[in-house]
């Protein structure tokens, strides 16, 4: 029973990171109807920025906040400078640009900071909190940071004019323009928020997986699995899907002998296929309806 609770709590902790990535994926998807293949590399690059700030002597939490701000600005700049000019281009053009971003960010990170594995500090103590043996201090901290982030985003989107404008621009751009909402800038702010959320996910998971240019590839796949399972049209569903993927992956890797640690990533892909076969729009997504 103790092992089950330990793996369950660890799954919730990693699921929180997957939930952040899933939410970032959904925010971009709702803005441009495409998956951002470079989402993980953007998070990885932001994590390197945080590492560099700390290497220059910046305290952890100041570097944490500065990285979020820099990532937000970077996301807005990428949308305004790169994707605004090709907004009406064919889908294949968008995919090529995403793949190019993936390669460029990965290569620049490797060239600048080298491909050697680096340790990333955790802001939480190494000893378990409250003398518990079920969950480590960093895992508990990841859960707390994730929940704080999700609450702040909920307040933004539900109880502020800016959040309501961003939701309206994503749901129905034409109607939003008619009521005076600057849809283009709402999309840019969505990119900025997605980049900032990814930065938080990268900084929280880096102490676990270590820092290197390919660190976020698996995390992005898990985040995509959570987004697809929950529904690419539902931010809440994406968050719940991310937590579900983390829990299922941890429990299956521990208690299903056939899976083990080697096939844990396969669990995410199996979940995607299983959910899409039953409900193509995801568990909480809405089916697209078009008039003909």
Protein backbone atom coordinates (compact mmCIF):
# COMPACT_ATOMS: atom_id res chain seq x y z
CA UNK A 1 0.00 0.00 0.00
CA UNK A 2 2.86 2.36 0.80
CA UNK A 3 4.44 1.69 -2.60
CA UNK A 4 1.12 2.39 -4.31
CA UNK A 5 0.70 5.73 -2.49
CA UNK A 6 4.30 6.66 -3.26
CA UNK A 7 3.86 5.99 -6.98
CA UNK A 8 0.47 7.72 -7.00
CA UNK A 9 1.91 10.90 -5.47
CA UNK A 10 4.95 10.76 -7.76
CA UNK A 11 2.56 10.38 -10.71
CA UNK A 12 0.65 13.46 -9.58
CA UNK A 13 3.91 15.42 -9.34
CA UNK A 14 5.12 14.48 -12.84
CA UNK A 15 1.54 14.73 -14.10
CA UNK A 16 1.57 18.37 -13.02
CA UNK A 17 4.49 19.01 -15.38
CA UNK A 18 2.70 17.15 -18.17
CA UNK A 19 -0.39 19.25 -17.41
CA UNK A 20 1.63 22.45 -17.85
CA UNK A 21 2.96 21.25 -21.20
CA UNK A 22 -0.50 20.08 -22.25
CA UNK A 23 -1.94 23.49 -21.38
CA UNK A 24 0.79 25.23 -23.38
CA UNK A 25 0.07 22.92 -26.34
CA UNK A 26 -3.66 23.67 -26.17
CA UNK A 27 -3.14 27.44 -25.95
CA UNK A 28 -1.11 27.43 -29.17
CA UNK A 29 -3.48 24.97 -30.83
CA UNK A 30 -6.52 27.11 -30.07
CA UNK A 31 -4.73 30.15 -31.48
CA UNK A 32 -3.59 28.71 -34.82
CA UNK A 33 -5.20 25.21 -35.03
CA UNK A 34 -1.77 23.54 -35.24
CA UNK A 35 0.50 21.66 -32.88
CA UNK A 36 3.70 23.51 -31.96
CA UNK A 37 6.47 20.96 -32.51
CA UNK A 38 8.96 23.39 -30.92
CA UNK A 39 7.05 23.80 -27.66
CA UNK A 40 9.44 21.53 -25.78
CA UNK A 41 12.52 23.21 -27.23
CA UNK A 42 11.19 26.62 -26.20
CA UNK A 43 10.83 25.31 -22.64
CA UNK A 44 14.32 23.78 -22.79
CA UNK A 45 15.85 27.06 -24.00
CA UNK A 46 14.10 28.95 -21.20
CA UNK A 47 15.52 26.48 -18.67
CA UNK A 48 19.02 27.14 -20.00
CA UNK A 49 18.39 30.87 -19.55
CA UNK A 50 17.50 30.23 -15.90
CA UNK A 51 20.62 28.09 -15.47
CA UNK A 52 22.78 30.84 -16.99
CA UNK A 53 21.26 33.51 -14.73
CA UNK A 54 22.03 31.38 -11.68
CA UNK A 55 25.55 30.72 -12.99
CA UNK A 56 26.03 34.49 -13.05
CA UNK A 57 25.10 34.63 -9.37
CA UNK A 58 21.37 35.33 -9.55
CA UNK A 59 19.36 33.76 -6.67
CA UNK A 60 17.04 30.93 -7.71
CA UNK A 61 13.68 32.62 -7.29
CA UNK A 62 14.82 35.85 -8.96
CA UNK A 63 16.16 33.79 -11.88
CA UNK A 64 12.86 31.88 -11.88
CA UNK A 65 10.78 35.05 -12.22
CA UNK A 66 13.15 36.66 -14.74
CA UNK A 67 13.05 33.52 -16.89
CA UNK A 68 9.26 33.55 -16.92
CA UNK A 69 9.24 37.21 -17.99
CA UNK A 70 11.90 36.63 -20.67
CA UNK A 71 10.04 33.56 -21.95
CA UNK A 72 6.75 35.48 -22.12
CA UNK A 73 8.38 38.27 -24.14
CA UNK A 74 10.11 35.69 -26.34
CA UNK A 75 6.80 33.95 -27.08
CA UNK A 76 5.17 37.25 -28.08
CA UNK A 77 8.15 38.18 -30.28
CA UNK A 78 8.09 34.77 -32.03
CA UNK A 79 4.39 35.13 -32.82
CA UNK A 80 4.65 38.74 -33.98
CA UNK A 81 7.86 38.34 -35.97
CA UNK A 82 7.59 34.81 -37.31
CA UNK A 83 4.01 33.57 -37.40
CA UNK A 84 2.05 36.75 -38.01
CA UNK A 85 3.49 37.13 -41.55
CA UNK A 86 2.58 33.52 -42.45
CA UNK A 87 -0.79 33.42 -40.68
CA UNK A 88 -2.65 32.73 -43.95
CA UNK A 89 0.00 30.41 -45.39
CA UNK A 90 -0.79 26.72 -46.04
CA UNK A 91 -0.66 24.30 -43.10
CA UNK A 92 2.50 22.68 -44.46
CA UNK A 93 4.31 26.03 -44.27
CA UNK A 94 3.45 26.31 -40.57
CA UNK A 95 4.68 22.77 -39.93
CA UNK A 96 7.98 23.47 -41.70
CA UNK A 97 8.48 26.61 -39.60
CA UNK A 98 7.75 24.68 -36.39
CA UNK A 99 10.27 22.01 -37.35
CA UNK A 100 12.81 24.72 -38.23
CA UNK A 101 12.25 26.34 -34.82
CA UNK A 102 12.78 22.97 -33.15
CA UNK A 103 16.09 22.44 -34.94
CA UNK A 104 17.32 26.02 -34.48
CA UNK A 105 16.60 26.19 -30.74
CA UNK A 106 18.13 22.75 -30.16
CA UNK A 107 21.25 23.59 -32.14
CA UNK A 108 21.72 27.05 -30.61
CA UNK A 109 21.33 25.61 -27.10
CA UNK A 110 23.88 22.88 -27.87
CA UNK A 111 26.30 25.36 -29.46
CA UNK A 112 25.98 27.88 -26.62
CA UNK A 113 25.91 25.62 -23.58
CA UNK A 114 27.28 22.39 -25.13
CA UNK A 115 25.58 19.01 -25.20
CA UNK A 116 27.03 17.84 -21.88
CA UNK A 117 24.52 17.02 -19.14
CA UNK A 118 24.28 19.71 -16.45
CA UNK A 119 22.73 19.52 -13.02
CA UNK A 120 19.95 22.00 -12.33
CA UNK A 121 19.35 23.10 -8.73
CA UNK A 122 16.10 22.49 -6.90
CA UNK A 123 14.72 25.28 -4.70
CA UNK A 124 13.35 22.71 -2.30
CA UNK A 125 15.28 20.89 0.45
CA UNK A 126 16.79 17.48 -0.24
CA UNK A 127 15.25 15.98 2.89
CA UNK A 128 11.55 14.95 2.85
CA UNK A 129 9.20 17.53 4.32
CA UNK A 130 7.18 16.78 7.45
CA UNK A 131 9.17 13.55 7.94
CA UNK A 132 7.08 11.75 5.34
CA UNK A 133 8.50 8.91 3.25
CA UNK A 134 5.84 8.89 0.55
CA UNK A 135 6.93 11.87 -1.51
CA UNK A 136 10.12 13.89 -1.84
CA UNK A 137 10.34 17.60 -1.17
CA UNK A 138 10.93 18.43 -4.85
CA UNK A 139 7.93 16.36 -5.97
CA UNK A 140 5.78 18.11 -3.36
CA UNK A 141 7.13 21.45 -4.52
CA UNK A 142 6.32 20.61 -8.15
CA UNK A 143 2.73 19.87 -7.17
CA UNK A 144 2.47 23.16 -5.24
CA UNK A 145 3.99 25.27 -8.05
CA UNK A 146 1.75 23.60 -10.64
CA UNK A 147 -1.40 24.19 -8.59
CA UNK A 148 -0.47 27.85 -7.98
CA UNK A 149 0.13 28.33 -11.70
CA UNK A 150 -3.18 26.69 -12.62
CA UNK A 151 -5.09 28.81 -10.09
CA UNK A 152 -3.51 32.01 -11.45
CA UNK A 153 -4.43 31.01 -15.01
CA UNK A 154 -7.98 30.16 -13.92
CA UNK A 155 -8.36 33.61 -12.34
CA UNK A 156 -6.90 35.24 -15.46
CA UNK A 157 -9.22 33.50 -17.91
CA UNK A 158 -12.37 33.55 -15.80
CA UNK A 159 -12.26 36.81 -13.87
CA UNK A 160 -10.32 39.38 -15.91
CA UNK A 161 -11.25 41.34 -19.03
CA UNK A 162 -7.99 40.36 -20.69
CA UNK A 163 -8.58 36.67 -20.07
CA UNK A 164 -12.13 36.89 -21.38
CA UNK A 165 -10.87 38.69 -24.49
CA UNK A 166 -8.26 35.96 -25.08
CA UNK A 167 -10.93 33.26 -24.73
CA UNK A 168 -13.23 35.09 -27.12
CA UNK A 169 -10.43 35.54 -29.67
CA UNK A 170 -9.62 31.83 -29.53
CA UNK A 171 -13.24 30.66 -29.67
CA UNK A 172 -14.56 32.95 -32.42
CA UNK A 173 -12.05 35.41 -33.94
CA UNK A 174 -14.54 37.01 -36.34
CA UNK A 175 -17.09 37.81 -33.63
CA UNK A 176 -14.31 39.00 -31.33
CA UNK A 177 -13.14 41.49 -33.96
CA UNK A 178 -16.69 42.83 -34.31
CA UNK A 179 -16.76 43.79 -30.62
CA UNK A 180 -13.39 45.53 -30.80
CA UNK A 181 -11.02 42.84 -29.55
CA UNK A 182 -7.56 42.96 -31.15
CA UNK A 183 -7.41 39.30 -32.06
CA UNK A 184 -3.84 39.41 -33.36
CA UNK A 185 -2.49 40.67 -30.05
CA UNK A 186 -4.62 38.18 -28.10
CA UNK A 187 -2.98 35.40 -30.12
CA UNK A 188 0.45 36.89 -29.36
CA UNK A 189 -0.35 37.02 -25.65
CA UNK A 190 -1.43 33.38 -25.86
CA UNK A 191 1.97 32.51 -27.32
CA UNK A 192 3.64 34.46 -24.53
CA UNK A 193 1.66 32.64 -21.85
CA UNK A 194 2.37 29.27 -23.47
CA UNK A 195 6.11 30.05 -23.50
CA UNK A 196 6.00 31.15 -19.85
CA UNK A 197 4.10 28.01 -18.80
CA UNK A 198 6.60 25.87 -20.67
CA UNK A 199 9.45 27.66 -18.87
CA UNK A 200 7.92 26.76 -15.50
CA UNK A 201 7.58 23.13 -16.59
CA UNK A 202 11.20 23.06 -17.78
CA UNK A 203 12.60 24.56 -14.57
CA UNK A 204 10.58 22.18 -12.41
CA UNK A 205 11.50 19.00 -14.30
CA UNK A 206 15.18 19.85 -14.94
CA UNK A 207 16.37 18.77 -11.46
CA UNK A 208 14.80 15.35 -12.15
CA UNK A 209 15.88 14.66 -15.76
CA UNK A 210 18.98 16.93 -15.73
CA UNK A 211 19.63 19.76 -18.15
CA UNK A 212 20.61 19.02 -21.76
CA UNK A 213 19.28 20.11 -25.18
CA UNK A 214 17.03 17.05 -25.65
CA UNK A 215 15.59 17.03 -22.12
CA UNK A 216 12.06 18.11 -23.09
CA UNK A 217 11.40 15.73 -25.98
CA UNK A 218 9.82 13.01 -23.85
CA UNK A 219 8.06 15.59 -21.66
CA UNK A 220 6.49 17.17 -24.75
CA UNK A 221 5.21 13.77 -25.91
CA UNK A 222 3.62 13.20 -22.50
CA UNK A 223 2.16 16.69 -22.59
CA UNK A 224 0.77 16.08 -26.07
CA UNK A 225 -0.73 12.81 -24.81
CA UNK A 226 -2.40 14.69 -21.96
CA UNK A 227 -3.72 17.35 -24.34
CA UNK A 228 -5.13 14.77 -26.77
CA UNK A 229 -6.62 12.63 -24.00
CA UNK A 230 -8.27 15.62 -22.34
CA UNK A 231 -9.20 17.37 -25.58
CA UNK A 232 -7.29 19.89 -27.69
CA UNK A 233 -10.23 22.29 -27.45
CA UNK A 234 -10.47 22.14 -23.65
CA UNK A 235 -7.76 23.73 -21.43
CA UNK A 236 -9.32 22.13 -18.34
CA UNK A 237 -9.43 18.78 -20.11
CA UNK A 238 -5.77 19.15 -21.12
CA UNK A 239 -4.78 19.76 -17.49
CA UNK A 240 -6.76 16.75 -16.26
CA UNK A 241 -5.34 14.68 -19.12
CA UNK A 242 -1.79 15.64 -18.12
CA UNK A 243 -2.36 14.54 -14.54
CA UNK A 244 -4.01 11.31 -15.77
CA UNK A 245 -1.07 10.47 -18.03
CA UNK A 246 1.40 11.04 -15.19
CA UNK A 247 -0.52 8.81 -12.80
CA UNK A 248 -1.18 6.02 -15.30
CA UNK A 249 2.42 6.08 -16.53
CA UNK A 250 3.84 5.80 -13.01
CA UNK A 251 1.46 3.10 -11.82
CA UNK A 252 1.79 1.03 -15.00
CA UNK A 253 5.58 1.30 -14.95
CA UNK A 254 5.64 -0.02 -11.39
CA UNK A 255 2.84 -2.58 -11.19
CA UNK A 256 2.55 -3.92 -14.76
CA UNK A 257 5.52 -6.28 -15.29
CA UNK A 258 5.32 -6.15 -19.08
CA UNK A 259 5.65 -2.36 -19.13
CA UNK A 260 8.51 -1.58 -16.75
CA UNK A 261 10.58 1.58 -17.14
CA UNK A 262 11.53 0.82 -20.75
CA UNK A 263 7.96 1.02 -22.10
CA UNK A 264 6.62 3.89 -19.98
CA UNK A 265 6.57 6.22 -22.99
CA UNK A 266 4.52 3.65 -24.87
CA UNK A 267 1.77 4.07 -22.27
CA UNK A 268 1.25 7.67 -23.36
CA UNK A 269 0.96 6.65 -27.01
CA UNK A 270 -1.44 3.80 -26.17
CA UNK A 271 -3.60 6.26 -24.23
CA UNK A 272 -3.73 8.61 -27.23
CA UNK A 273 -4.81 5.82 -29.60
CA UNK A 274 -7.35 4.35 -27.15
CA UNK A 275 -9.03 7.69 -26.43
CA UNK A 276 -9.13 8.76 -30.08
CA UNK A 277 -10.75 5.45 -31.07
CA UNK A 278 -13.54 6.01 -28.54
CA UNK A 279 -13.83 9.82 -28.61
CA UNK A 280 -11.86 11.53 -31.40
CA UNK A 281 -12.25 14.99 -29.83
CA UNK A 282 -10.80 13.87 -26.48
CA UNK A 283 -12.58 13.15 -23.21
CA UNK A 284 -13.49 16.79 -22.58
CA UNK A 285 -13.13 18.23 -26.09
CA UNK A 286 -15.94 19.38 -28.27
CA UNK A 287 -16.50 17.93 -31.72
CA UNK A 288 -16.05 20.34 -34.61
CA UNK A 289 -19.28 21.02 -36.45
CA UNK A 290 -19.33 22.64 -39.87
CA UNK A 291 -22.25 23.53 -42.12
CA UNK A 292 -22.24 22.35 -45.68
